[in-house]
Amino acid sequence: MAGSIATDHLMSFAGKFEDSLVVEQLHKLSVSFLVDDLEIRRGGVAPNMCFGMARLGLRPVLVGAAGEDFADYRSWLERHGVDCDHVRISETLHTARFVCTTDTTMAQFASFYPGAMQEARLMELAPIVRQVGEPSYVLIGADDPDGMLRHTEECRQRGYPFIADPSQQLAFGEGDLIRRLVDGAAILFSNEYESHLIQQKTGWSADDILARVGVQVTTLGAAGVRVTRAGEEDIVLPAAAGVTAVEPTGVGDAFRAGFLAATAWGLDLSASAQVGCVLAAYVVETVGTQEYSFTAEQFLARLEESYGAEAAAVVRPHLSDLR
């Protein structure tokens, strides 16, 4: 899993920002807000996905760049089954950080510090492959754009099957960047809005995209997921049943983790999407992207409730060693 590694610092302000702003003086803006709380959450698309796959019993390899302040985060991930041996630790930069204050109206002041994420462009995949073995897939998630390009080009050159998941970088990337990240992917992940953004920025039609990727997986929020292949009938599945939504951050990462875990087990696309939807349900019901837990029986019961006894029976053998 190659992608951003970050921590989120989230604060709440009990008032309204607008009460402290004078429109005529915005060019001289200098204000501070006394906040009520601070939550520090583990984040970044690659660790989120790795955590989800590890919760399902796999040992994914995390590839990304962090700072020396990554030690506690590393310990958490390794304790939950993630291989962090190939994270690049910057000698000069801190781990990427999102700092956000939200007021009572949901208005926000936020900053994003990319920090060590910028050093992802210095990483090569081949030395990692020599140590861990040939990859089933290399997922290339949102990260330093030059790093994403380097990983994608290396996958093409060395014949590693790769998964394109540009997500947040789609808003900032130009058409040429997105075309180079997507073309030739075994799987393309996006949500529905992002799928339209890919078409708009690349100038490719939906059919053009399917001609360039093996499988396109489009998450549809509460409506579920659509899996598309050229010349094949679409697979459209509803979201998991009985979901009580609390906080959506990281839900897409969890879906991807579940989908890829099931793919690694050798399950078909429909079953993989079902596992992804159930894992995503745990995240949307939890505050934080890596704070959920479940037993094998709990997961299987939820899978059966959502998609039937046969769906659970197919997955059961793969969760036998789940702690």
Protein backbone atom coordinates (compact mmCIF):
# COMPACT_ATOMS: atom_id res chain seq x y z
CA MET A 1 0.00 0.00 0.00
CA ALA A 2 1.70 3.19 -1.14
CA GLY A 3 0.14 6.46 -0.04
CA SER A 4 0.04 9.28 2.45
CA ILE A 5 0.85 8.80 6.13
CA ALA A 6 -0.59 11.55 8.33
CA THR A 7 -2.03 12.50 11.69
CA ASP A 8 -5.12 14.68 12.18
CA HIS A 9 -5.31 17.27 14.97
CA LEU A 10 -8.98 18.18 15.39
CA MET A 11 -10.28 20.92 17.69
CA SER A 12 -13.73 22.32 18.51
CA PHE A 13 -14.58 25.98 19.12
CA ALA A 14 -17.77 26.54 21.15
CA GLY A 15 -18.67 29.80 19.40
CA LYS A 16 -18.94 31.09 15.84
CA PHE A 17 -15.89 32.24 13.91
CA GLU A 18 -17.96 34.92 12.22
CA ASP A 19 -18.51 36.69 15.55
CA SER A 20 -14.77 37.36 15.74
CA LEU A 21 -14.29 38.57 12.19
CA VAL A 22 -14.59 42.14 10.97
CA VAL A 23 -15.14 42.14 7.23
CA GLU A 24 -13.49 45.52 6.70
CA GLN A 25 -10.35 44.31 8.50
CA LEU A 26 -9.85 40.91 6.92
CA HIS A 27 -6.68 42.13 5.24
CA LYS A 28 -5.24 42.58 8.75
CA LEU A 29 -6.64 39.32 10.12
CA SER A 30 -5.02 38.16 13.38
CA VAL A 31 -7.31 36.19 15.66
CA SER A 32 -7.11 33.28 18.06
CA PHE A 33 -9.79 30.96 19.44
CA LEU A 34 -9.90 29.16 22.77
CA VAL A 35 -10.87 25.59 21.87
CA ASP A 36 -12.65 23.06 24.07
CA ASP A 37 -10.88 19.87 23.07
CA LEU A 38 -8.18 18.30 20.97
CA GLU A 39 -8.41 14.93 19.25
CA ILE A 40 -5.33 13.45 17.63
CA ARG A 41 -6.30 10.76 15.15
CA ARG A 42 -4.23 8.41 13.09
CA GLY A 43 -4.76 8.94 9.38
CA GLY A 44 -3.40 8.84 5.88
CA VAL A 45 -4.93 6.68 3.17
CA ALA A 46 -2.22 4.00 3.16
CA PRO A 47 -2.22 3.26 6.92
CA ASN A 48 -6.02 3.32 6.97
CA MET A 49 -6.16 0.65 4.27
CA CYS A 50 -3.34 -1.38 5.79
CA PHE A 51 -5.08 -1.36 9.17
CA GLY A 52 -8.30 -2.64 7.59
CA MET A 53 -6.56 -5.46 5.75
CA ALA A 54 -4.66 -6.44 8.89
CA ARG A 55 -7.92 -6.56 10.86
CA LEU A 56 -9.06 -9.19 8.35
CA GLY A 57 -5.98 -11.29 8.98
CA LEU A 58 -3.59 -10.20 6.23
CA ARG A 59 -0.17 -8.58 6.63
CA PRO A 60 -0.07 -5.65 4.20
CA VAL A 61 3.13 -3.74 3.49
CA LEU A 62 2.97 0.00 4.18
CA VAL A 63 4.99 2.16 1.76
CA GLY A 64 5.25 5.87 2.44
CA ALA A 65 7.27 8.62 4.07
CA ALA A 66 6.95 9.87 7.66
CA GLY A 67 8.94 11.83 10.20
CA GLU A 68 10.74 10.77 13.36
CA ASP A 69 7.48 11.47 15.20
CA PHE A 70 6.06 8.34 13.53
CA ALA A 71 7.28 6.05 16.34
CA ASP A 72 4.00 5.78 18.28
CA TYR A 73 1.98 5.42 15.10
CA ARG A 74 4.36 2.71 13.88
CA SER A 75 3.95 0.82 17.15
CA TRP A 76 0.15 0.96 16.82
CA LEU A 77 0.19 -0.33 13.24
CA GLU A 78 2.70 -3.09 13.90
CA ARG A 79 0.73 -4.22 16.94
CA HIS A 80 -2.26 -4.63 14.64
CA GLY A 81 -0.40 -6.62 12.00
CA VAL A 82 0.91 -4.04 9.49
CA ASP A 83 4.43 -4.38 8.04
CA CYS A 84 6.04 -0.96 8.59
CA ASP A 85 9.61 -2.00 7.79
CA HIS A 86 9.60 -0.05 4.52
CA VAL A 87 8.37 3.34 5.72
CA ARG A 88 10.92 6.03 4.89
CA ILE A 89 11.73 8.18 7.93
CA SER A 90 12.73 11.73 7.06
CA GLU A 91 15.74 13.20 8.86
CA THR A 92 14.39 16.75 8.66
CA LEU A 93 10.60 16.76 8.25
CA HIS A 94 7.66 15.83 10.45
CA THR A 95 4.93 13.41 9.46
CA ALA A 96 2.22 15.05 7.36
CA ARG A 97 -0.39 16.75 9.53
CA PHE A 98 -3.92 18.07 9.14
CA VAL A 99 -4.85 20.69 11.73
CA CYS A 100 -8.48 21.79 11.86
CA THR A 101 -10.71 23.83 14.17
CA THR A 102 -14.49 23.57 13.73
CA ASP A 103 -17.05 25.97 15.22
CA THR A 104 -20.67 25.33 16.17
CA THR A 105 -21.89 26.09 12.63
CA MET A 106 -19.45 23.52 11.13
CA ALA A 107 -17.31 26.33 9.68
CA GLN A 108 -13.64 25.38 9.71
CA PHE A 109 -10.17 26.85 9.76
CA ALA A 110 -7.76 24.17 8.56
CA SER A 111 -4.18 23.71 7.43
CA PHE A 112 -2.42 20.75 5.82
CA TYR A 113 1.32 20.29 6.26
CA PRO A 114 2.68 17.71 3.76
CA GLY A 115 6.02 17.41 5.55
CA ALA A 116 7.75 14.08 5.05
CA MET A 117 5.11 13.02 2.52
CA GLN A 118 7.16 14.95 -0.03
CA GLU A 119 9.94 12.37 0.28
CA ALA A 120 7.75 9.61 -1.16
CA ARG A 121 9.18 10.61 -4.54
CA LEU A 122 12.58 9.32 -3.35
CA MET A 123 11.33 5.78 -2.71
CA GLU A 124 11.81 2.85 -5.08
CA LEU A 125 9.63 -0.25 -5.05
CA ALA A 126 12.11 -2.83 -6.35
CA PRO A 127 14.20 -3.08 -3.13
CA ILE A 128 10.99 -3.64 -1.18
CA VAL A 129 9.83 -6.34 -3.58
CA ARG A 130 13.18 -8.12 -3.23
CA GLN A 131 12.53 -8.40 0.50
CA VAL A 132 8.80 -9.18 0.63
CA GLY A 133 8.31 -11.01 -2.67
CA GLU A 134 6.38 -10.27 -5.84
CA PRO A 135 3.26 -8.23 -5.05
CA SER A 136 -0.25 -9.38 -5.92
CA TYR A 137 -0.96 -5.69 -6.40
CA VAL A 138 0.69 -2.37 -5.63
CA LEU A 139 -1.99 0.10 -4.58
CA ILE A 140 -0.94 3.67 -5.32
CA GLY A 141 -3.06 6.02 -3.25
CA ALA A 142 -3.10 9.77 -2.77
CA ASP A 143 0.38 10.97 -1.87
CA ASP A 144 3.06 13.32 -3.11
CA PRO A 145 2.17 13.60 -6.84
CA ASP A 146 5.73 12.97 -8.01
CA GLY A 147 5.89 9.96 -5.72
CA MET A 148 2.64 8.61 -7.16
CA LEU A 149 4.00 9.01 -10.68
CA ARG A 150 7.29 7.34 -9.81
CA HIS A 151 5.55 4.33 -8.27
CA THR A 152 3.14 4.03 -11.21
CA GLU A 153 5.88 4.20 -13.81
CA GLU A 154 7.99 1.68 -11.92
CA CYS A 155 5.05 -0.73 -11.78
CA ARG A 156 4.65 -0.45 -15.55
CA GLN A 157 8.35 -0.96 -16.17
CA ARG A 158 8.77 -3.90 -13.82
CA GLY A 159 5.42 -5.55 -14.54
CA TYR A 160 3.92 -5.16 -11.08
CA PRO A 161 0.10 -5.13 -11.29
CA PHE A 162 -1.00 -1.80 -9.86
CA ILE A 163 -4.18 -0.27 -8.50
CA ALA A 164 -4.92 3.41 -9.16
CA ASP A 165 -6.58 5.26 -6.28
CA PRO A 166 -5.76 8.96 -6.80
CA SER A 167 -8.71 10.20 -4.66
CA GLN A 168 -7.82 13.56 -3.06
CA GLN A 169 -5.19 14.36 -5.67
CA LEU A 170 -7.85 14.47 -8.40
CA ALA A 171 -8.96 17.93 -7.30
CA PHE A 172 -5.46 19.33 -7.79
CA GLY A 173 -4.02 17.20 -10.57
CA GLU A 174 -4.11 18.15 -14.21
CA GLY A 175 -5.30 15.86 -16.97
CA ASP A 176 -1.86 14.62 -17.96
CA LEU A 177 -1.05 13.56 -14.38
CA ILE A 178 -4.35 11.71 -13.97
CA ARG A 179 -4.02 9.96 -17.33
CA ARG A 180 -0.56 8.71 -16.37
CA LEU A 181 -1.79 7.49 -12.97
CA VAL A 182 -4.82 5.63 -14.34
CA ASP A 183 -3.73 4.14 -17.68
CA GLY A 184 -3.03 0.41 -17.38
CA ALA A 185 -4.30 -0.05 -13.83
CA ALA A 186 -5.63 -3.48 -12.93
CA ILE A 187 -8.21 -1.77 -10.72
CA LEU A 188 -9.33 1.86 -10.56
CA PHE A 189 -10.95 2.99 -7.31
CA SER A 190 -12.98 6.18 -6.93
CA ASN A 191 -16.23 7.49 -5.53
CA GLU A 192 -18.97 8.61 -7.89
CA TYR A 193 -17.97 12.28 -7.90
CA GLU A 194 -14.34 11.36 -8.51
CA SER A 195 -15.29 9.11 -11.43
CA HIS A 196 -16.86 12.10 -13.18
CA LEU A 197 -13.84 14.23 -12.29
CA ILE A 198 -11.55 11.65 -13.89
CA GLN A 199 -13.57 11.82 -17.10
CA GLN A 200 -13.63 15.61 -17.09
CA LYS A 201 -9.91 16.08 -16.48
CA THR A 202 -8.62 13.28 -18.70
CA GLY A 203 -11.05 13.96 -21.55
CA TRP A 204 -11.83 10.23 -21.60
CA SER A 205 -15.36 8.87 -21.74
CA ALA A 206 -16.53 6.13 -19.37
CA ASP A 207 -15.88 3.61 -22.15
CA ASP A 208 -12.42 5.06 -22.77
CA ILE A 209 -11.54 4.51 -19.12
CA LEU A 210 -12.78 0.91 -19.17
CA ALA A 211 -10.62 0.29 -22.23
CA ARG A 212 -7.59 1.35 -20.16
CA VAL A 213 -8.23 -0.39 -16.82
CA GLY A 214 -9.17 -3.93 -15.91
CA VAL A 215 -11.88 -3.15 -13.36
CA GLN A 216 -13.43 0.14 -12.24
CA VAL A 217 -14.81 0.12 -8.69
CA THR A 218 -17.00 3.13 -7.84
CA THR A 219 -18.29 3.63 -4.31
CA LEU A 220 -21.74 5.22 -4.12
CA GLY A 221 -21.90 6.27 -0.48
CA ALA A 222 -25.02 5.05 1.28
CA ALA A 223 -26.20 3.57 -2.04
CA GLY A 224 -23.41 0.96 -2.05
CA VAL A 225 -20.95 0.22 -4.86
CA ARG A 226 -20.76 -0.39 -8.61
CA VAL A 227 -18.13 -2.63 -10.23
CA THR A 228 -17.66 -2.13 -13.98
CA ARG A 229 -15.72 -4.03 -16.64
CA ALA A 230 -15.58 -3.60 -20.40
CA GLY A 231 -18.04 -5.88 -22.14
CA GLU A 232 -19.46 -7.24 -18.85
CA GLU A 233 -22.65 -6.53 -16.97
CA ASP A 234 -22.19 -4.14 -14.07
CA ILE A 235 -22.19 -5.49 -10.53
CA VAL A 236 -24.23 -3.16 -8.30
CA LEU A 237 -24.53 -3.92 -4.60
CA PRO A 238 -26.28 -2.07 -1.78
CA ALA A 239 -24.38 -0.88 1.28
CA ALA A 240 -24.25 -3.10 4.36
CA ALA A 241 -27.50 -3.33 6.30
CA GLY A 242 -28.30 -1.69 9.61
CA VAL A 243 -25.68 1.06 9.46
CA THR A 244 -25.84 3.89 12.01
CA ALA A 245 -23.66 6.58 10.48
CA VAL A 246 -21.57 8.63 12.91
CA GLU A 247 -18.54 9.97 11.01
CA PRO A 248 -17.62 9.30 7.35
CA THR A 249 -13.85 9.91 7.39
CA GLY A 250 -11.94 6.84 6.23
CA VAL A 251 -14.96 4.92 5.01
CA GLY A 252 -13.64 4.68 1.45
CA ASP A 253 -10.28 3.45 2.71
CA ALA A 254 -12.02 0.71 4.71
CA PHE A 255 -14.03 -0.38 1.68
CA ARG A 256 -10.84 -0.69 -0.34
CA ALA A 257 -9.20 -2.69 2.46
CA GLY A 258 -12.07 -5.15 2.60
CA PHE A 259 -12.30 -5.44 -1.18
CA LEU A 260 -8.58 -6.12 -1.54
CA ALA A 261 -8.48 -8.58 1.37
CA ALA A 262 -11.22 -10.62 -0.29
CA THR A 263 -9.43 -10.37 -3.63
CA ALA A 264 -6.28 -11.72 -1.96
CA TRP A 265 -8.37 -14.65 -0.68
CA GLY A 266 -9.32 -15.40 -4.28
CA LEU A 267 -12.97 -14.37 -4.00
CA ASP A 268 -14.87 -12.97 -6.97
CA LEU A 269 -15.68 -9.30 -7.51
CA SER A 270 -19.15 -9.49 -6.00
CA ALA A 271 -17.94 -11.17 -2.82
CA SER A 272 -15.01 -8.74 -2.59
CA ALA A 273 -17.40 -5.79 -2.79
CA GLN A 274 -19.56 -7.31 -0.07
CA VAL A 275 -16.61 -7.67 2.29
CA GLY A 276 -15.60 -4.08 1.48
CA CYS A 277 -19.07 -2.75 2.28
CA VAL A 278 -19.21 -4.54 5.64
CA LEU A 279 -15.77 -3.32 6.69
CA ALA A 280 -16.76 0.22 5.64
CA ALA A 281 -19.82 -0.01 7.89
CA TYR A 282 -17.60 -0.44 10.95
CA VAL A 283 -15.72 2.75 10.14
CA VAL A 284 -18.73 4.97 9.45
CA GLU A 285 -20.13 3.94 12.82
CA THR A 286 -16.93 4.94 14.63
CA VAL A 287 -15.16 8.24 15.31
CA GLY A 288 -11.67 7.78 13.92
CA THR A 289 -10.42 5.80 10.93
CA GLN A 290 -8.68 3.00 12.88
CA GLU A 291 -10.70 2.71 16.08
CA TYR A 292 -13.02 -0.16 15.14
CA SER A 293 -12.79 -3.82 16.12
CA PHE A 294 -14.78 -7.02 15.64
CA THR A 295 -14.52 -10.76 16.04
CA ALA A 296 -14.79 -13.18 13.15
CA GLU A 297 -18.30 -14.16 14.21
CA GLN A 298 -19.43 -10.55 14.46
CA PHE A 299 -18.12 -9.80 10.98
CA LEU A 300 -19.70 -12.91 9.51
CA ALA A 301 -23.03 -12.18 11.19
CA ARG A 302 -23.06 -8.73 9.68
CA LEU A 303 -22.10 -10.11 6.28
CA GLU A 304 -24.96 -12.62 6.49
CA GLU A 305 -27.44 -9.95 7.60
CA SER A 306 -26.47 -7.78 4.66
CA TYR A 307 -25.92 -10.25 1.82
CA GLY A 308 -27.17 -13.65 2.93
CA ALA A 309 -25.91 -16.90 4.43
CA GLU A 310 -24.05 -17.92 1.27
CA ALA A 311 -21.99 -14.71 1.34
CA ALA A 312 -20.94 -15.43 4.92
CA ALA A 313 -20.16 -19.07 4.15
CA VAL A 314 -17.77 -18.07 1.36
CA VAL A 315 -15.82 -15.76 3.68
CA ARG A 316 -15.85 -17.92 6.84
CA PRO A 317 -12.79 -20.09 5.97
CA HIS A 318 -10.66 -16.98 5.53
CA LEU A 319 -11.43 -15.62 9.00
CA SER A 320 -10.64 -18.79 10.94
CA ASP A 321 -7.47 -17.33 12.46
CA LEU A 322 -8.89 -13.86 13.10
CA ARG A 323 -8.16 -12.63 16.61
